Amino acid sequence: MSEEQLRQMARERARAKIGFYIHLTIYVIVNVLLFSIWYITLGPSGFPWFIFPLIGWGIALIVHAVATFYGKSMEDVEDRMTEQELTKLKAQESK
């Protein structure tokens, strides 16, 4: 890979990480706000309704984190699938 390609790949990864950290920050701020609303209006004796968006959005945040830090780029997946299909087609053609 050329220096420019590596730089572009690094830039894309950095943008993905920045996007995740923005998502995480908004998640924390909004859920603290929802918890505060619940606490002020109903208090500890009320039904903790804030837990539903906390869990639902938390699952989405986990998926975002896995995709950002552990997932392969779509180009890698596409390249691997292309190679698999090419192998299949060559095998069918040789029969």
Protein backbone atom coordinates (compact mmCIF):
# COMPACT_ATOMS: atom_id res chain seq x y z
CA MET A 1 0.00 0.00 0.00
CA SER A 2 1.16 3.47 -0.73
CA GLU A 3 1.69 6.16 1.88
CA GLU A 4 -1.42 8.00 0.66
CA GLN A 5 -3.59 4.86 0.92
CA LEU A 6 -2.36 4.23 4.45
CA ARG A 7 -3.04 7.85 5.37
CA GLN A 8 -6.58 7.60 3.95
CA MET A 9 -7.22 4.37 5.86
CA ALA A 10 -5.92 5.93 9.09
CA ARG A 11 -8.15 8.98 8.53
CA GLU A 12 -11.23 6.76 8.05
CA ARG A 13 -10.45 4.82 11.23
CA ALA A 14 -9.92 8.04 13.17
CA ARG A 15 -13.26 9.40 11.92
CA ALA A 16 -14.99 6.17 12.97
CA LYS A 17 -13.51 6.43 16.46
CA ILE A 18 -14.46 10.10 16.75
CA GLY A 19 -18.01 9.20 15.68
CA PHE A 20 -18.17 6.55 18.39
CA TYR A 21 -16.91 8.92 21.08
CA ILE A 22 -19.49 11.53 20.05
CA HIS A 23 -22.19 8.83 20.23
CA LEU A 24 -20.97 7.77 23.69
CA THR A 25 -20.95 11.37 24.97
CA ILE A 26 -24.48 12.03 23.75
CA TYR A 27 -25.62 8.71 25.27
CA VAL A 28 -24.25 9.67 28.68
CA ILE A 29 -25.64 13.23 28.60
CA VAL A 30 -29.13 12.20 27.47
CA ASN A 31 -29.39 9.31 29.92
CA VAL A 32 -28.22 11.47 32.83
CA LEU A 33 -30.92 13.95 31.80
CA LEU A 34 -33.57 11.19 31.63
CA PHE A 35 -32.49 9.85 35.01
CA SER A 36 -32.68 13.37 36.46
CA ILE A 37 -36.18 13.89 35.08
CA TRP A 38 -37.29 10.58 36.58
CA TYR A 39 -35.70 11.36 39.94
CA ILE A 40 -37.18 14.87 40.13
CA THR A 41 -40.69 13.89 39.03
CA LEU A 42 -41.20 10.45 40.55
CA GLY A 43 -38.26 9.84 42.83
CA PRO A 44 -36.91 6.48 43.93
CA SER A 45 -40.41 5.25 44.78
CA GLY A 46 -41.59 5.63 41.16
CA PHE A 47 -41.23 3.19 38.30
CA PRO A 48 -37.75 3.55 36.75
CA TRP A 49 -38.92 4.16 33.17
CA PHE A 50 -35.55 5.64 32.19
CA ILE A 51 -34.10 2.13 32.10
CA PHE A 52 -35.82 1.29 28.78
CA PRO A 53 -34.03 3.91 26.66
CA LEU A 54 -30.86 3.27 28.68
CA ILE A 55 -30.84 -0.43 27.76
CA GLY A 56 -32.10 -0.05 24.19
CA TRP A 57 -29.69 2.69 23.29
CA GLY A 58 -26.95 0.90 25.23
CA ILE A 59 -27.30 -2.13 22.97
CA ALA A 60 -26.94 0.12 19.92
CA LEU A 61 -23.89 1.74 21.51
CA ILE A 62 -22.29 -1.66 22.09
CA VAL A 63 -22.89 -2.61 18.45
CA HIS A 64 -21.34 0.70 17.38
CA ALA A 65 -18.30 0.04 19.60
CA VAL A 66 -17.81 -3.49 18.25
CA ALA A 67 -18.09 -2.27 14.67
CA THR A 68 -15.67 0.59 15.32
CA PHE A 69 -12.97 -1.17 17.32
CA TYR A 70 -13.27 -4.85 16.37
CA GLY A 71 -15.08 -4.96 13.03
CA LYS A 72 -13.39 -5.23 9.70
CA SER A 73 -13.97 -2.62 7.10
CA MET A 74 -16.56 -3.39 4.44
CA GLU A 75 -13.81 -3.46 1.83
CA ASP A 76 -12.11 -6.37 3.63
CA VAL A 77 -15.38 -8.27 3.81
CA GLU A 78 -16.12 -7.54 0.15
CA ASP A 79 -12.64 -8.69 -0.89
CA ARG A 80 -12.97 -11.94 1.06
CA MET A 81 -16.43 -12.67 -0.37
CA THR A 82 -15.21 -11.90 -3.88
CA GLU A 83 -12.35 -14.39 -3.48
CA GLN A 84 -14.77 -17.05 -2.18
CA GLU A 85 -17.11 -16.55 -5.13
CA LEU A 86 -14.21 -16.63 -7.57
CA THR A 87 -13.02 -19.91 -6.08
CA LYS A 88 -16.53 -21.39 -6.41
CA LEU A 89 -16.85 -20.26 -10.01
CA LYS A 90 -13.45 -21.72 -10.94
CA ALA A 91 -14.40 -25.01 -9.29
CA GLN A 92 -17.71 -25.16 -11.22
CA GLU A 93 -15.98 -24.30 -14.47
CA SER A 94 -13.39 -27.05 -14.09
CA LYS A 95 -16.06 -29.77 -13.67
